[in-house]
Structure formats: structure tokens, C-alpha cells
Amino acid sequence: MAERIRVEVVCAMPERQLLRQVSLPAGSSVLQAVEQSGILEEMPGLVFDPAHLGIFSRRVAADETLQDGDRVEIYRPLALDPKDARRRRAR
């Protein structure tokens, strides 16, 4: 029997947060975990970009291989660039 890993997939929007645990074959990618979680279907307003994914707050590529116990994070687009926000506060 092939080895399986368990990972969490999380996504936080201002009005709703989701966390799903999924079981995948060893060697699965971050993108496969996101697809398996079903979060994208449950949050139709989410603008999903495979370039905005992370594992435990560290940005990763969508094809990065997962380890057992990883937490995959789906990042939403920033409402305001942090540099612009600091400039506005400084004025």
C-alpha cells in the first residue's frame, strides 16, 4: 500500500475562514492539496492565484512537494501595498 500524508489547507477571508484536513499520496504537491480540499469551490469570491501559496507562512511554488503535517495557506491579494500604506501614514 502506498504511503499517505495528512496536511491542512487553510484560507482566511475577512468574513470567513476555512480549514480542511486532507489525506494525499506521499509526493503530492501544494496545488494538489488545494484542489483536494474543496476550498476553492466553497469560496467562490476568492481570487485564486497559484503563485500565492505558502506552507507555514513561507511562500512556495504550487508544485512544491508536501511533507506529512504541513499547513498549506492560500493567500488573498493585498488590498493595499504595504509600502503605499506607510507612505500614506507618513504624510
PDB file of N, CA and C in Angstrom:
ATOM      1  N   MET A   1       0.847  -1.192   0.000  1.00  0.00           N
ATOM      2  CA  MET A   1       0.000   0.000   0.000  1.00  0.00           C
ATOM      3  C   MET A   1       0.889   1.251   0.000  1.00  0.00           C
ATOM      4  N   ALA A   2       0.509   2.222  -0.787  1.00  0.00           N
ATOM      5  CA  ALA A   2       1.281   3.462  -0.898  1.00  0.00           C
ATOM      6  C   ALA A   2       1.139   4.282   0.380  1.00  0.00           C
ATOM      7  N   GLU A   3       2.212   4.963   0.733  1.00  0.00           N
ATOM      8  CA  GLU A   3       2.211   5.812   1.916  1.00  0.00           C
ATOM      9  C   GLU A   3       1.351   7.051   1.660  1.00  0.00           C
ATOM     10  N   ARG A   4       0.657   7.490   2.695  1.00  0.00           N
ATOM     11  CA  ARG A   4      -0.180   8.685   2.594  1.00  0.00           C
ATOM     12  C   ARG A   4       0.285   9.700   3.622  1.00  0.00           C
ATOM     13  N   ILE A   5       0.033  10.960   3.322  1.00  0.00           N
ATOM     14  CA  ILE A   5       0.352  12.045   4.239  1.00  0.00           C
ATOM     15  C   ILE A   5      -0.925  12.812   4.549  1.00  0.00           C
ATOM     16  N   ARG A   6      -0.936  13.460   5.706  1.00  0.00           N
ATOM     17  CA  ARG A   6      -2.067  14.311   6.095  1.00  0.00           C
ATOM     18  C   ARG A   6      -1.567  15.742   6.174  1.00  0.00           C
ATOM     19  N   VAL A   7      -2.291  16.642   5.531  1.00  0.00           N
ATOM     20  CA  VAL A   7      -1.946  18.065   5.562  1.00  0.00           C
ATOM     21  C   VAL A   7      -3.205  18.881   5.801  1.00  0.00           C
ATOM     22  N   GLU A   8      -3.019  20.106   6.257  1.00  0.00           N
ATOM     23  CA  GLU A   8      -4.124  21.047   6.416  1.00  0.00           C
ATOM     24  C   GLU A   8      -4.037  22.070   5.295  1.00  0.00           C
ATOM     25  N   VAL A   9      -5.186  22.506   4.824  1.00  0.00           N
ATOM     26  CA  VAL A   9      -5.268  23.586   3.844  1.00  0.00           C
ATOM     27  C   VAL A   9      -6.134  24.667   4.474  1.00  0.00           C
ATOM     28  N   VAL A  10      -5.613  25.900   4.512  1.00  0.00           N
ATOM     29  CA  VAL A  10      -6.343  26.996   5.149  1.00  0.00           C
ATOM     30  C   VAL A  10      -6.471  28.181   4.211  1.00  0.00           C
ATOM     31  N   CYS A  11      -7.566  28.914   4.392  1.00  0.00           N
ATOM     32  CA  CYS A  11      -7.805  30.142   3.649  1.00  0.00           C
ATOM     33  C   CYS A  11      -8.604  31.063   4.556  1.00  0.00           C
ATOM     34  N   ALA A  12      -8.182  32.319   4.646  1.00  0.00           N
ATOM     35  CA  ALA A  12      -8.868  33.282   5.501  1.00  0.00           C
ATOM     36  C   ALA A  12      -9.279  34.493   4.678  1.00  0.00           C
ATOM     37  N   MET A  13     -10.571  34.739   4.654  1.00  0.00           N
ATOM     38  CA  MET A  13     -11.125  35.948   4.065  1.00  0.00           C
ATOM     39  C   MET A  13     -11.633  36.797   5.224  1.00  0.00           C
ATOM     40  N   PRO A  14     -11.874  38.078   5.015  1.00  0.00           N
ATOM     41  CA  PRO A  14     -12.343  38.907   6.135  1.00  0.00           C
ATOM     42  C   PRO A  14     -13.614  38.373   6.802  1.00  0.00           C
ATOM     43  N   GLU A  15     -14.494  37.793   6.013  1.00  0.00           N
ATOM     44  CA  GLU A  15     -15.781  37.358   6.560  1.00  0.00           C
ATOM     45  C   GLU A  15     -15.845  35.862   6.881  1.00  0.00           C
ATOM     46  N   ARG A  16     -14.849  35.094   6.453  1.00  0.00           N
ATOM     47  CA  ARG A  16     -14.936  33.644   6.630  1.00  0.00           C
ATOM     48  C   ARG A  16     -13.552  33.004   6.568  1.00  0.00           C
ATOM     49  N   GLN A  17     -13.338  32.021   7.435  1.00  0.00           N
ATOM     50  CA  GLN A  17     -12.091  31.279   7.436  1.00  0.00           C
ATOM     51  C   GLN A  17     -12.407  29.794   7.299  1.00  0.00           C
ATOM     52  N   LEU A  18     -11.600  29.104   6.513  1.00  0.00           N
ATOM     53  CA  LEU A  18     -11.795  27.668   6.325  1.00  0.00           C
ATOM     54  C   LEU A  18     -10.497  26.927   6.590  1.00  0.00           C
ATOM     55  N   LEU A  19     -10.618  25.773   7.211  1.00  0.00           N
ATOM     56  CA  LEU A  19      -9.502  24.870   7.425  1.00  0.00           C
ATOM     57  C   LEU A  19      -9.996  23.469   7.078  1.00  0.00           C
ATOM     58  N   ARG A  20      -9.283  22.813   6.208  1.00  0.00           N
ATOM     59  CA  ARG A  20      -9.642  21.451   5.796  1.00  0.00           C
ATOM     60  C   ARG A  20      -8.425  20.548   5.945  1.00  0.00           C
ATOM     61  N   GLN A  21      -8.635  19.372   6.483  1.00  0.00           N
ATOM     62  CA  GLN A  21      -7.584  18.362   6.525  1.00  0.00           C
ATOM     63  C   GLN A  21      -7.803  17.408   5.367  1.00  0.00           C
ATOM     64  N   VAL A  22      -6.724  17.101   4.670  1.00  0.00           N
ATOM     65  CA  VAL A  22      -6.813  16.171   3.541  1.00  0.00           C
ATOM     66  C   VAL A  22      -5.727  15.114   3.667  1.00  0.00           C
ATOM     67  N   SER A  23      -6.020  13.953   3.129  1.00  0.00           N
ATOM     68  CA  SER A  23      -5.068  12.854   3.070  1.00  0.00           C
ATOM     69  C   SER A  23      -4.709  12.647   1.609  1.00  0.00           C
ATOM     70  N   LEU A  24      -3.407  12.658   1.328  1.00  0.00           N
ATOM     71  CA  LEU A  24      -2.913  12.582  -0.044  1.00  0.00           C
ATOM     72  C   LEU A  24      -1.807  11.533  -0.139  1.00  0.00           C
ATOM     73  N   PRO A  25      -1.552  11.042  -1.339  1.00  0.00           N
ATOM     74  CA  PRO A  25      -0.402  10.146  -1.503  1.00  0.00           C
ATOM     75  C   PRO A  25       0.903  10.914  -1.251  1.00  0.00           C
ATOM     76  N   ALA A  26       1.881  10.244  -0.681  1.00  0.00           N
ATOM     77  CA  ALA A  26       3.195  10.862  -0.478  1.00  0.00           C
ATOM     78  C   ALA A  26       3.707  11.355  -1.825  1.00  0.00           C
ATOM     79  N   GLY A  27       4.353  12.511  -1.818  1.00  0.00           N
ATOM     80  CA  GLY A  27       4.861  13.096  -3.054  1.00  0.00           C
ATOM     81  C   GLY A  27       3.899  14.054  -3.723  1.00  0.00           C
ATOM     82  N   SER A  28       2.742  14.312  -3.095  1.00  0.00           N
ATOM     83  CA  SER A  28       1.751  15.233  -3.667  1.00  0.00           C
ATOM     84  C   SER A  28       2.235  16.668  -3.563  1.00  0.00           C
ATOM     85  N   SER A  29       1.698  17.510  -4.443  1.00  0.00           N
ATOM     86  CA  SER A  29       2.103  18.918  -4.486  1.00  0.00           C
ATOM     87  C   SER A  29       1.138  19.797  -3.698  1.00  0.00           C
ATOM     88  N   VAL A  30       1.569  21.025  -3.487  1.00  0.00           N
ATOM     89  CA  VAL A  30       0.752  22.020  -2.805  1.00  0.00           C
ATOM     90  C   VAL A  30      -0.554  22.235  -3.576  1.00  0.00           C
ATOM     91  N   LEU A  31      -0.470  22.365  -4.890  1.00  0.00           N
ATOM     92  CA  LEU A  31      -1.664  22.593  -5.703  1.00  0.00           C
ATOM     93  C   LEU A  31      -2.630  21.417  -5.605  1.00  0.00           C
ATOM     94  N   GLN A  32      -2.120  20.206  -5.567  1.00  0.00           N
ATOM     95  CA  GLN A  32      -2.990  19.035  -5.426  1.00  0.00           C
ATOM     96  C   GLN A  32      -3.741  19.070  -4.100  1.00  0.00           C
ATOM     97  N   ALA A  33      -3.095  19.524  -3.033  1.00  0.00           N
ATOM     98  CA  ALA A  33      -3.757  19.628  -1.736  1.00  0.00           C
ATOM     99  C   ALA A  33      -4.872  20.665  -1.780  1.00  0.00           C
ATOM    100  N   VAL A  34      -4.606  21.807  -2.425  1.00  0.00           N
ATOM    101  CA  VAL A  34      -5.629  22.855  -2.539  1.00  0.00           C
ATOM    102  C   VAL A  34      -6.839  22.312  -3.303  1.00  0.00           C
ATOM    103  N   GLU A  35      -6.587  21.654  -4.421  1.00  0.00           N
ATOM    104  CA  GLU A  35      -7.685  21.096  -5.220  1.00  0.00           C
ATOM    105  C   GLU A  35      -8.467  20.039  -4.434  1.00  0.00           C
ATOM    106  N   GLN A  36      -7.771  19.181  -3.715  1.00  0.00           N
ATOM    107  CA  GLN A  36      -8.418  18.116  -2.942  1.00  0.00           C
ATOM    108  C   GLN A  36      -9.257  18.667  -1.790  1.00  0.00           C
ATOM    109  N   SER A  37      -8.855  19.812  -1.241  1.00  0.00           N
ATOM    110  CA  SER A  37      -9.541  20.378  -0.069  1.00  0.00           C
ATOM    111  C   SER A  37     -10.958  20.850  -0.373  1.00  0.00           C
ATOM    112  N   GLY A  38     -11.215  21.278  -1.605  1.00  0.00           N
ATOM    113  CA  GLY A  38     -12.539  21.800  -1.953  1.00  0.00           C
ATOM    114  C   GLY A  38     -12.762  23.246  -1.529  1.00  0.00           C
ATOM    115  N   ILE A  39     -11.748  23.891  -0.982  1.00  0.00           N
ATOM    116  CA  ILE A  39     -11.903  25.277  -0.512  1.00  0.00           C
ATOM    117  C   ILE A  39     -12.241  26.227  -1.651  1.00  0.00           C
ATOM    118  N   LEU A  40     -11.653  26.020  -2.806  1.00  0.00           N
ATOM    119  CA  LEU A  40     -11.911  26.930  -3.934  1.00  0.00           C
ATOM    120  C   LEU A  40     -13.381  26.916  -4.340  1.00  0.00           C
ATOM    121  N   GLU A  41     -14.022  25.755  -4.243  1.00  0.00           N
ATOM    122  CA  GLU A  41     -15.447  25.665  -4.575  1.00  0.00           C
ATOM    123  C   GLU A  41     -16.310  26.294  -3.490  1.00  0.00           C
ATOM    124  N   GLU A  42     -15.876  26.218  -2.241  1.00  0.00           N
ATOM    125  CA  GLU A  42     -16.653  26.757  -1.125  1.00  0.00           C
ATOM    126  C   GLU A  42     -16.537  28.274  -1.000  1.00  0.00           C
ATOM    127  N   MET A  43     -15.499  28.859  -1.582  1.00  0.00           N
ATOM    128  CA  MET A  43     -15.302  30.304  -1.507  1.00  0.00           C
ATOM    129  C   MET A  43     -15.275  30.871  -2.921  1.00  0.00           C
ATOM    130  N   PRO A  44     -16.454  30.999  -3.544  1.00  0.00           N
ATOM    131  CA  PRO A  44     -16.492  31.436  -4.937  1.00  0.00           C
ATOM    132  C   PRO A  44     -15.952  32.854  -5.154  1.00  0.00           C
ATOM    133  N   GLY A  45     -15.934  33.696  -4.157  1.00  0.00           N
ATOM    134  CA  GLY A  45     -15.429  35.059  -4.306  1.00  0.00           C
ATOM    135  C   GLY A  45     -13.914  35.160  -4.222  1.00  0.00           C
ATOM    136  N   LEU A  46     -13.258  34.063  -3.896  1.00  0.00           N
ATOM    137  CA  LEU A  46     -11.811  34.063  -3.754  1.00  0.00           C
ATOM    138  C   LEU A  46     -11.140  34.162  -5.115  1.00  0.00           C
ATOM    139  N   VAL A  47     -10.228  35.116  -5.255  1.00  0.00           N
ATOM    140  CA  VAL A  47      -9.435  35.241  -6.477  1.00  0.00           C
ATOM    141  C   VAL A  47      -8.192  34.385  -6.255  1.00  0.00           C
ATOM    142  N   PHE A  48      -8.183  33.181  -6.846  1.00  0.00           N
ATOM    143  CA  PHE A  48      -7.107  32.230  -6.607  1.00  0.00           C
ATOM    144  C   PHE A  48      -5.990  32.418  -7.613  1.00  0.00           C
ATOM    145  N   ASP A  49      -4.773  32.547  -7.097  1.00  0.00           N
ATOM    146  CA  ASP A  49      -3.580  32.646  -7.929  1.00  0.00           C
ATOM    147  C   ASP A  49      -2.590  31.607  -7.401  1.00  0.00           C
ATOM    148  N   PRO A  50      -2.251  30.591  -8.203  1.00  0.00           N
ATOM    149  CA  PRO A  50      -1.322  29.556  -7.729  1.00  0.00           C
ATOM    150  C   PRO A  50       0.042  30.100  -7.302  1.00  0.00           C
ATOM    151  N   ALA A  51       0.357  31.327  -7.668  1.00  0.00           N
ATOM    152  CA  ALA A  51       1.621  31.926  -7.248  1.00  0.00           C
ATOM    153  C   ALA A  51       1.555  32.454  -5.819  1.00  0.00           C
ATOM    154  N   HIS A  52       0.363  32.471  -5.225  1.00  0.00           N
ATOM    155  CA  HIS A  52       0.181  32.986  -3.870  1.00  0.00           C
ATOM    156  C   HIS A  52      -0.197  31.868  -2.911  1.00  0.00           C
ATOM    157  N   LEU A  53       0.735  30.945  -2.726  1.00  0.00           N
ATOM    158  CA  LEU A  53       0.541  29.831  -1.813  1.00  0.00           C
ATOM    159  C   LEU A  53       1.722  29.764  -0.864  1.00  0.00           C
ATOM    160  N   GLY A  54       1.488  29.194   0.316  1.00  0.00           N
ATOM    161  CA  GLY A  54       2.572  29.056   1.274  1.00  0.00           C
ATOM    162  C   GLY A  54       2.413  27.820   2.126  1.00  0.00           C
ATOM    163  N   ILE A  55       3.491  27.488   2.825  1.00  0.00           N
ATOM    164  CA  ILE A  55       3.480  26.434   3.822  1.00  0.00           C
ATOM    165  C   ILE A  55       4.033  27.049   5.098  1.00  0.00           C
ATOM    166  N   PHE A  56       3.213  27.079   6.145  1.00  0.00           N
ATOM    167  CA  PHE A  56       3.616  27.673   7.425  1.00  0.00           C
ATOM    168  C   PHE A  56       4.243  29.058   7.231  1.00  0.00           C
ATOM    169  N   SER A  57       3.555  29.954   6.541  1.00  0.00           N
ATOM    170  CA  SER A  57       3.945  31.357   6.322  1.00  0.00           C
ATOM    171  C   SER A  57       5.156  31.549   5.418  1.00  0.00           C
ATOM    172  N   ARG A  58       5.576  30.528   4.722  1.00  0.00           N
ATOM    173  CA  ARG A  58       6.704  30.624   3.783  1.00  0.00           C
ATOM    174  C   ARG A  58       6.160  30.404   2.382  1.00  0.00           C
ATOM    175  N   ARG A  59       6.335  31.395   1.509  1.00  0.00           N
ATOM    176  CA  ARG A  59       5.820  31.267   0.143  1.00  0.00           C
ATOM    177  C   ARG A  59       6.513  30.126  -0.571  1.00  0.00           C
ATOM    178  N   VAL A  60       5.694  29.370  -1.325  1.00  0.00           N
ATOM    179  CA  VAL A  60       6.223  28.224  -2.058  1.00  0.00           C
ATOM    180  C   VAL A  60       5.591  28.183  -3.443  1.00  0.00           C
ATOM    181  N   ALA A  61       6.220  27.435  -4.332  1.00  0.00           N
ATOM    182  CA  ALA A  61       5.661  27.207  -5.666  1.00  0.00           C
ATOM    183  C   ALA A  61       4.532  26.184  -5.558  1.00  0.00           C
ATOM    184  N   ALA A  62       3.607  26.263  -6.495  1.00  0.00           N
ATOM    185  CA  ALA A  62       2.459  25.355  -6.488  1.00  0.00           C
ATOM    186  C   ALA A  62       2.865  23.899  -6.659  1.00  0.00           C
ATOM    187  N   ASP A  63       4.029  23.652  -7.256  1.00  0.00           N
ATOM    188  CA  ASP A  63       4.450  22.270  -7.482  1.00  0.00           C
ATOM    189  C   ASP A  63       5.386  21.732  -6.399  1.00  0.00           C
ATOM    190  N   GLU A  64       5.551  22.480  -5.306  1.00  0.00           N
ATOM    191  CA  GLU A  64       6.407  22.011  -4.207  1.00  0.00           C
ATOM    192  C   GLU A  64       5.803  20.761  -3.568  1.00  0.00           C
ATOM    193  N   THR A  65       6.657  19.817  -3.234  1.00  0.00           N
ATOM    194  CA  THR A  65       6.223  18.556  -2.626  1.00  0.00           C
ATOM    195  C   THR A  65       5.933  18.761  -1.145  1.00  0.00           C
ATOM    196  N   LEU A  66       4.819  18.191  -0.702  1.00  0.00           N
ATOM    197  CA  LEU A  66       4.393  18.324   0.687  1.00  0.00           C
ATOM    198  C   LEU A  66       5.000  17.246   1.574  1.00  0.00           C
ATOM    199  N   GLN A  67       5.100  17.574   2.860  1.00  0.00           N
ATOM    200  CA  GLN A  67       5.517  16.635   3.890  1.00  0.00           C
ATOM    201  C   GLN A  67       4.334  16.401   4.823  1.00  0.00           C
ATOM    202  N   ASP A  68       4.321  15.273   5.490  1.00  0.00           N
ATOM    203  CA  ASP A  68       3.261  14.969   6.442  1.00  0.00           C
ATOM    204  C   ASP A  68       3.202  16.060   7.512  1.00  0.00           C
ATOM    205  N   GLY A  69       2.002  16.582   7.783  1.00  0.00           N
ATOM    206  CA  GLY A  69       1.801  17.594   8.809  1.00  0.00           C
ATOM    207  C   GLY A  69       1.922  19.034   8.327  1.00  0.00           C
ATOM    208  N   ASP A  70       2.219  19.262   7.058  1.00  0.00           N
ATOM    209  CA  ASP A  70       2.317  20.628   6.535  1.00  0.00           C
ATOM    210  C   ASP A  70       0.972  21.344   6.606  1.00  0.00           C
ATOM    211  N   ARG A  71       1.022  22.676   6.701  1.00  0.00           N
ATOM    212  CA  ARG A  71      -0.185  23.506   6.610  1.00  0.00           C
ATOM    213  C   ARG A  71      -0.047  24.376   5.367  1.00  0.00           C
ATOM    214  N   VAL A  72      -0.873  24.112   4.370  1.00  0.00           N
ATOM    215  CA  VAL A  72      -0.876  24.877   3.122  1.00  0.00           C
ATOM    216  C   VAL A  72      -1.770  26.093   3.322  1.00  0.00           C
ATOM    217  N   GLU A  73      -1.251  27.259   2.962  1.00  0.00           N
ATOM    218  CA  GLU A  73      -2.000  28.502   3.125  1.00  0.00           C
ATOM    219  C   GLU A  73      -2.268  29.120   1.767  1.00  0.00           C
ATOM    220  N   ILE A  74      -3.517  29.499   1.543  1.00  0.00           N
ATOM    221  CA  ILE A  74      -3.921  30.193   0.320  1.00  0.00           C
ATOM    222  C   ILE A  74      -3.975  31.672   0.670  1.00  0.00           C
ATOM    223  N   TYR A  75      -3.116  32.460   0.028  1.00  0.00           N
ATOM    224  CA  TYR A  75      -3.052  33.890   0.316  1.00  0.00           C
ATOM    225  C   TYR A  75      -3.967  34.662  -0.623  1.00  0.00           C
ATOM    226  N   ARG A  76      -4.668  35.641  -0.079  1.00  0.00           N
ATOM    227  CA  ARG A  76      -5.525  36.500  -0.900  1.00  0.00           C
ATOM    228  C   ARG A  76      -4.723  37.720  -1.337  1.00  0.00           C
ATOM    229  N   PRO A  77      -5.172  38.393  -2.375  1.00  0.00           N
ATOM    230  CA  PRO A  77      -4.457  39.592  -2.829  1.00  0.00           C
ATOM    231  C   PRO A  77      -4.486  40.683  -1.760  1.00  0.00           C
ATOM    232  N   LEU A  78      -3.432  41.469  -1.708  1.00  0.00           N
ATOM    233  CA  LEU A  78      -3.387  42.582  -0.761  1.00  0.00           C
ATOM    234  C   LEU A  78      -4.335  43.687  -1.209  1.00  0.00           C
ATOM    235  N   ALA A  79      -5.028  44.279  -0.257  1.00  0.00           N
ATOM    236  CA  ALA A  79      -5.915  45.397  -0.574  1.00  0.00           C
ATOM    237  C   ALA A  79      -5.103  46.659  -0.842  1.00  0.00           C
ATOM    238  N   LEU A  80      -3.952  46.767  -0.189  1.00  0.00           N
ATOM    239  CA  LEU A  80      -3.100  47.939  -0.324  1.00  0.00           C
ATOM    240  C   LEU A  80      -1.653  47.495  -0.153  1.00  0.00           C
ATOM    241  N   ASP A  81      -0.798  47.949  -1.016  1.00  0.00           N
ATOM    242  CA  ASP A  81       0.628  47.639  -0.931  1.00  0.00           C
ATOM    243  C   ASP A  81       1.179  48.202   0.384  1.00  0.00           C
ATOM    244  N   PRO A  82       1.907  47.405   1.167  1.00  0.00           N
ATOM    245  CA  PRO A  82       2.433  47.900   2.448  1.00  0.00           C
ATOM    246  C   PRO A  82       3.301  49.147   2.315  1.00  0.00           C
ATOM    247  N   LYS A  83       4.043  49.274   1.235  1.00  0.00           N
ATOM    248  CA  LYS A  83       4.857  50.482   1.038  1.00  0.00           C
ATOM    249  C   LYS A  83       3.976  51.713   0.868  1.00  0.00           C
ATOM    250  N   ASP A  84       2.891  51.573   0.099  1.00  0.00           N
ATOM    251  CA  ASP A  84       1.966  52.687  -0.070  1.00  0.00           C
ATOM    252  C   ASP A  84       1.293  53.042   1.261  1.00  0.00           C
ATOM    253  N   ALA A  85       0.951  52.057   2.044  1.00  0.00           N
ATOM    254  CA  ALA A  85       0.316  52.319   3.343  1.00  0.00           C
ATOM    255  C   ALA A  85       1.248  53.115   4.246  1.00  0.00           C
ATOM    256  N   ARG A  86       2.533  52.765   4.284  1.00  0.00           N
ATOM    257  CA  ARG A  86       3.494  53.520   5.111  1.00  0.00           C
ATOM    258  C   ARG A  86       3.642  54.946   4.606  1.00  0.00           C
ATOM    259  N   ARG A  87       3.674  55.112   3.295  1.00  0.00           N
ATOM    260  CA  ARG A  87       3.772  56.475   2.738  1.00  0.00           C
ATOM    261  C   ARG A  87       2.570  57.321   3.132  1.00  0.00           C
ATOM    262  N   ARG A  88       1.399  56.733   3.073  1.00  0.00           N
ATOM    263  CA  ARG A  88       0.187  57.476   3.453  1.00  0.00           C
ATOM    264  C   ARG A  88       0.215  57.869   4.923  1.00  0.00           C
ATOM    265  N   ARG A  89       0.660  56.942   5.773  1.00  0.00           N
ATOM    266  CA  ARG A  89       0.731  57.260   7.212  1.00  0.00           C
ATOM    267  C   ARG A  89       1.759  58.346   7.482  1.00  0.00           C
ATOM    268  N   ALA A  90       2.836  58.368   6.707  1.00  0.00           N
ATOM    269  CA  ALA A  90       3.905  59.356   6.913  1.00  0.00           C
ATOM    270  C   ALA A  90       3.461  60.761   6.522  1.00  0.00           C
ATOM    271  N   ARG A  91       2.512  60.863   5.606  1.00  0.00           N
ATOM    272  CA  ARG A  91       2.024  62.185   5.174  1.00  0.00           C
ATOM    273  C   ARG A  91       1.182  62.795   6.218  1.00  0.00           C
TER     274      ARG A  91
END
